[in-house]
Amino acid sequence: MQITKHIGLGSSVFTLVGCLLKTLLLPGASTILILGIALFCIGFIPLRVVEIIKGEESYRFSNWIQVVGLIMIGVCVAGMTFKLMHWPWVTFLLRSSTTMLVFVILPIHLVATFFKTDANGNDSNHRASQIHAAVIAMALFGALYGLIDLT
């Protein structure tokens, strides 16, 4: 678990520095940006998926929705990287991942969270924050879906 946090933090720092360097048109920006995104897609997401699968309640449906959602987010981030670097397969990566996220994963997660019973006496503020996060994610990925050139 600790290594996942460190890889996630490292990928965030590399991505942020790469974006700043790319904004300032400085050399090495693309290399650092690709390194940060590769750490996220190839390092952080697989480790997080393994943590979820090896968890105590890995048989739960919500955990499997989370795993598929993480994989689709990784594909979407890779597609955005392909778009930035003008590499092929951009349309396929972005269209497939955002379609799955907007029309399958996020609605299932939203409905499952909305109708979740609090048998353990869980805090309703936590559930409300999960619903708000799902709504914001649907808005962002829906906007991204609208920006994809479908021609």
C-alpha atoms as a PDB file:
ATOM      1  CA  MET A   1       0.000   0.000   0.000  1.00  0.00           C
ATOM      2  CA  GLN A   2       2.838   2.373   0.799  1.00  0.00           C
ATOM      3  CA  ILE A   3       4.482   1.813  -2.592  1.00  0.00           C
ATOM      4  CA  THR A   4       1.197   2.635  -4.332  1.00  0.00           C
ATOM      5  CA  LYS A   5       1.045   5.993  -2.556  1.00  0.00           C
ATOM      6  CA  HIS A   6       4.639   6.799  -3.480  1.00  0.00           C
ATOM      7  CA  ILE A   7       4.169   5.869  -7.129  1.00  0.00           C
ATOM      8  CA  GLY A   8       0.936   7.889  -7.259  1.00  0.00           C
ATOM      9  CA  LEU A   9       2.639  10.903  -5.727  1.00  0.00           C
ATOM     10  CA  GLY A  10       5.636  10.551  -8.056  1.00  0.00           C
ATOM     11  CA  SER A  11       3.447  10.296 -11.130  1.00  0.00           C
ATOM     12  CA  SER A  12       1.514  13.384 -10.025  1.00  0.00           C
ATOM     13  CA  VAL A  13       4.701  15.401  -9.506  1.00  0.00           C
ATOM     14  CA  PHE A  14       6.201  14.324 -12.835  1.00  0.00           C
ATOM     15  CA  THR A  15       2.938  15.089 -14.655  1.00  0.00           C
ATOM     16  CA  LEU A  16       2.621  18.509 -13.007  1.00  0.00           C
ATOM     17  CA  VAL A  17       6.231  19.440 -13.776  1.00  0.00           C
ATOM     18  CA  GLY A  18       5.834  18.177 -17.362  1.00  0.00           C
ATOM     19  CA  CYS A  19       2.700  20.271 -17.837  1.00  0.00           C
ATOM     20  CA  LEU A  20       4.421  23.382 -16.460  1.00  0.00           C
ATOM     21  CA  LEU A  21       7.449  22.858 -18.700  1.00  0.00           C
ATOM     22  CA  LYS A  22       5.173  22.263 -21.711  1.00  0.00           C
ATOM     23  CA  THR A  23       3.282  25.484 -20.934  1.00  0.00           C
ATOM     24  CA  LEU A  24       6.561  27.404 -20.799  1.00  0.00           C
ATOM     25  CA  LEU A  25       7.766  25.673 -23.998  1.00  0.00           C
ATOM     26  CA  LEU A  26      10.924  24.431 -22.273  1.00  0.00           C
ATOM     27  CA  PRO A  27      12.953  21.433 -23.433  1.00  0.00           C
ATOM     28  CA  GLY A  28      12.352  18.063 -21.822  1.00  0.00           C
ATOM     29  CA  ALA A  29       8.685  18.755 -21.194  1.00  0.00           C
ATOM     30  CA  SER A  30       7.385  15.895 -23.300  1.00  0.00           C
ATOM     31  CA  THR A  31       9.782  13.397 -21.733  1.00  0.00           C
ATOM     32  CA  ILE A  32       8.843  14.318 -18.165  1.00  0.00           C
ATOM     33  CA  LEU A  33       5.134  14.413 -19.017  1.00  0.00           C
ATOM     34  CA  ILE A  34       5.257  10.971 -20.642  1.00  0.00           C
ATOM     35  CA  LEU A  35       7.220   9.622 -17.664  1.00  0.00           C
ATOM     36  CA  GLY A  36       4.592  10.903 -15.221  1.00  0.00           C
ATOM     37  CA  ILE A  37       1.677   9.552 -17.221  1.00  0.00           C
ATOM     38  CA  ALA A  38       3.445   6.221 -17.781  1.00  0.00           C
ATOM     39  CA  LEU A  39       4.028   5.925 -14.017  1.00  0.00           C
ATOM     40  CA  PHE A  40       0.320   6.532 -13.514  1.00  0.00           C
ATOM     41  CA  CYS A  41      -0.910   4.130 -16.208  1.00  0.00           C
ATOM     42  CA  ILE A  42       1.665   1.369 -15.827  1.00  0.00           C
ATOM     43  CA  GLY A  43       2.558   1.729 -12.149  1.00  0.00           C
ATOM     44  CA  PHE A  44      -0.181   3.264 -10.030  1.00  0.00           C
ATOM     45  CA  ILE A  45      -3.318   1.828 -11.644  1.00  0.00           C
ATOM     46  CA  PRO A  46      -2.165  -1.827 -11.746  1.00  0.00           C
ATOM     47  CA  LEU A  47      -0.964  -1.652  -8.129  1.00  0.00           C
ATOM     48  CA  ARG A  48      -4.265  -0.118  -7.044  1.00  0.00           C
ATOM     49  CA  VAL A  49      -6.190  -2.811  -8.930  1.00  0.00           C
ATOM     50  CA  VAL A  50      -4.172  -5.516  -7.155  1.00  0.00           C
ATOM     51  CA  GLU A  51      -4.886  -3.872  -3.796  1.00  0.00           C
ATOM     52  CA  ILE A  52      -8.620  -3.865  -4.508  1.00  0.00           C
ATOM     53  CA  ILE A  53      -8.630  -7.481  -5.691  1.00  0.00           C
ATOM     54  CA  LYS A  54      -6.590  -8.696  -2.718  1.00  0.00           C
ATOM     55  CA  GLY A  55      -8.764  -6.753  -0.270  1.00  0.00           C
ATOM     56  CA  GLU A  56     -10.983  -8.380   2.331  1.00  0.00           C
ATOM     57  CA  GLU A  57     -14.200  -7.889   0.402  1.00  0.00           C
ATOM     58  CA  SER A  58     -12.938  -8.375  -3.150  1.00  0.00           C
ATOM     59  CA  TYR A  59     -16.054 -10.347  -4.076  1.00  0.00           C
ATOM     60  CA  ARG A  60     -18.267  -7.257  -3.827  1.00  0.00           C
ATOM     61  CA  PHE A  61     -19.759  -5.909  -7.048  1.00  0.00           C
ATOM     62  CA  SER A  62     -18.745  -2.329  -6.211  1.00  0.00           C
ATOM     63  CA  ASN A  63     -15.094  -3.348  -6.015  1.00  0.00           C
ATOM     64  CA  TRP A  64     -15.221  -4.838  -9.506  1.00  0.00           C
ATOM     65  CA  ILE A  65     -16.893  -1.692 -10.834  1.00  0.00           C
ATOM     66  CA  GLN A  66     -14.049   0.272  -9.254  1.00  0.00           C
ATOM     67  CA  VAL A  67     -11.452  -1.985 -10.924  1.00  0.00           C
ATOM     68  CA  VAL A  68     -13.023  -1.597 -14.387  1.00  0.00           C
ATOM     69  CA  GLY A  69     -13.365   2.146 -13.800  1.00  0.00           C
ATOM     70  CA  LEU A  70      -9.687   2.464 -12.908  1.00  0.00           C
ATOM     71  CA  ILE A  71      -8.677   0.563 -16.030  1.00  0.00           C
ATOM     72  CA  MET A  72     -10.879   2.802 -18.193  1.00  0.00           C
ATOM     73  CA  ILE A  73      -9.427   5.922 -16.554  1.00  0.00           C
ATOM     74  CA  GLY A  74      -5.951   4.612 -17.361  1.00  0.00           C
ATOM     75  CA  VAL A  75      -6.946   4.053 -20.995  1.00  0.00           C
ATOM     76  CA  CYS A  76      -8.455   7.544 -21.123  1.00  0.00           C
ATOM     77  CA  VAL A  77      -5.301   9.146 -19.693  1.00  0.00           C
ATOM     78  CA  ALA A  78      -3.186   7.170 -22.173  1.00  0.00           C
ATOM     79  CA  GLY A  79      -5.468   8.406 -24.974  1.00  0.00           C
ATOM     80  CA  MET A  80      -5.005  12.004 -23.852  1.00  0.00           C
ATOM     81  CA  THR A  81      -1.251  11.464 -23.885  1.00  0.00           C
ATOM     82  CA  PHE A  82      -1.487  10.068 -27.403  1.00  0.00           C
ATOM     83  CA  LYS A  83      -3.440  13.191 -28.368  1.00  0.00           C
ATOM     84  CA  LEU A  84      -0.783  15.502 -26.885  1.00  0.00           C
ATOM     85  CA  MET A  85       2.040  13.681 -28.641  1.00  0.00           C
ATOM     86  CA  HIS A  86       0.135  13.296 -31.957  1.00  0.00           C
ATOM     87  CA  TRP A  87       0.448   9.507 -31.892  1.00  0.00           C
ATOM     88  CA  PRO A  88      -2.001   7.153 -33.671  1.00  0.00           C
ATOM     89  CA  TRP A  89      -4.976   5.353 -32.028  1.00  0.00           C
ATOM     90  CA  VAL A  90      -6.169   8.505 -30.239  1.00  0.00           C
ATOM     91  CA  THR A  91      -9.786   8.290 -31.326  1.00  0.00           C
ATOM     92  CA  PHE A  92     -10.123   4.611 -30.424  1.00  0.00           C
ATOM     93  CA  LEU A  93      -8.585   5.017 -26.960  1.00  0.00           C
ATOM     94  CA  LEU A  94     -10.559   8.115 -26.030  1.00  0.00           C
ATOM     95  CA  ARG A  95     -13.856   7.035 -27.540  1.00  0.00           C
ATOM     96  CA  SER A  96     -13.844   3.537 -26.008  1.00  0.00           C
ATOM     97  CA  SER A  97     -12.768   4.626 -22.534  1.00  0.00           C
ATOM     98  CA  THR A  98     -15.062   7.641 -22.223  1.00  0.00           C
ATOM     99  CA  THR A  99     -18.010   5.695 -23.634  1.00  0.00           C
ATOM    100  CA  MET A 100     -17.525   2.980 -21.012  1.00  0.00           C
ATOM    101  CA  LEU A 101     -17.068   5.536 -18.240  1.00  0.00           C
ATOM    102  CA  VAL A 102     -19.962   7.847 -19.133  1.00  0.00           C
ATOM    103  CA  PHE A 103     -22.558   5.272 -20.136  1.00  0.00           C
ATOM    104  CA  VAL A 104     -21.687   2.181 -18.047  1.00  0.00           C
ATOM    105  CA  ILE A 105     -19.267   2.543 -15.125  1.00  0.00           C
ATOM    106  CA  LEU A 106     -20.211   5.920 -13.637  1.00  0.00           C
ATOM    107  CA  PRO A 107     -24.008   5.417 -13.830  1.00  0.00           C
ATOM    108  CA  ILE A 108     -23.704   1.997 -12.166  1.00  0.00           C
ATOM    109  CA  HIS A 109     -21.448   3.462  -9.486  1.00  0.00           C
ATOM    110  CA  LEU A 110     -23.794   6.410  -8.956  1.00  0.00           C
ATOM    111  CA  VAL A 111     -26.899   4.232  -8.611  1.00  0.00           C
ATOM    112  CA  ALA A 112     -25.125   1.705  -6.376  1.00  0.00           C
ATOM    113  CA  THR A 113     -23.854   4.475  -4.106  1.00  0.00           C
ATOM    114  CA  PHE A 114     -27.211   6.245  -4.040  1.00  0.00           C
ATOM    115  CA  PHE A 115     -29.131   3.130  -2.989  1.00  0.00           C
ATOM    116  CA  LYS A 116     -26.463   1.733  -0.666  1.00  0.00           C
ATOM    117  CA  THR A 117     -27.833   0.876   2.765  1.00  0.00           C
ATOM    118  CA  ASP A 118     -25.904   1.959   5.812  1.00  0.00           C
ATOM    119  CA  ALA A 119     -26.251  -1.237   7.826  1.00  0.00           C
ATOM    120  CA  ASN A 120     -22.940  -0.632   9.585  1.00  0.00           C
ATOM    121  CA  GLY A 121     -23.935   2.859  10.652  1.00  0.00           C
ATOM    122  CA  ASN A 122     -21.581   4.504   8.155  1.00  0.00           C
ATOM    123  CA  ASP A 123     -21.515   8.255   7.965  1.00  0.00           C
ATOM    124  CA  SER A 124     -24.040   9.636   5.489  1.00  0.00           C
ATOM    125  CA  ASN A 125     -21.648  12.513   4.721  1.00  0.00           C
ATOM    126  CA  HIS A 126     -19.219   9.974   3.255  1.00  0.00           C
ATOM    127  CA  ARG A 127     -21.945   8.597   1.004  1.00  0.00           C
ATOM    128  CA  ALA A 128     -22.947  12.123  -0.033  1.00  0.00           C
ATOM    129  CA  SER A 129     -19.351  12.963  -0.913  1.00  0.00           C
ATOM    130  CA  GLN A 130     -19.136   9.784  -3.031  1.00  0.00           C
ATOM    131  CA  ILE A 131     -22.310  10.791  -4.875  1.00  0.00           C
ATOM    132  CA  HIS A 132     -20.938  14.292  -5.457  1.00  0.00           C
ATOM    133  CA  ALA A 133     -17.640  12.874  -6.753  1.00  0.00           C
ATOM    134  CA  ALA A 134     -19.513  10.560  -9.139  1.00  0.00           C
ATOM    135  CA  VAL A 135     -21.637  13.448 -10.450  1.00  0.00           C
ATOM    136  CA  ILE A 136     -18.544  15.616 -10.999  1.00  0.00           C
ATOM    137  CA  ALA A 137     -16.747  12.739 -12.749  1.00  0.00           C
ATOM    138  CA  MET A 138     -19.784  12.203 -15.002  1.00  0.00           C
ATOM    139  CA  ALA A 139     -19.798  15.903 -15.895  1.00  0.00           C
ATOM    140  CA  LEU A 140     -16.060  15.948 -16.660  1.00  0.00           C
ATOM    141  CA  PHE A 141     -15.985  12.730 -18.664  1.00  0.00           C
ATOM    142  CA  GLY A 142     -19.224  13.741 -20.413  1.00  0.00           C
ATOM    143  CA  ALA A 143     -17.587  17.000 -21.461  1.00  0.00           C
ATOM    144  CA  LEU A 144     -14.533  15.063 -22.658  1.00  0.00           C
ATOM    145  CA  TYR A 145     -16.834  12.743 -24.608  1.00  0.00           C
ATOM    146  CA  GLY A 146     -18.372  15.790 -26.264  1.00  0.00           C
ATOM    147  CA  LEU A 147     -14.939  17.074 -27.267  1.00  0.00           C
ATOM    148  CA  ILE A 148     -13.938  13.881 -29.066  1.00  0.00           C
ATOM    149  CA  ASP A 149     -14.074  14.325 -32.825  1.00  0.00           C
ATOM    150  CA  LEU A 150     -16.506  11.662 -34.019  1.00  0.00           C
ATOM    151  CA  THR A 151     -16.075  12.381 -37.723  1.00  0.00           C
END
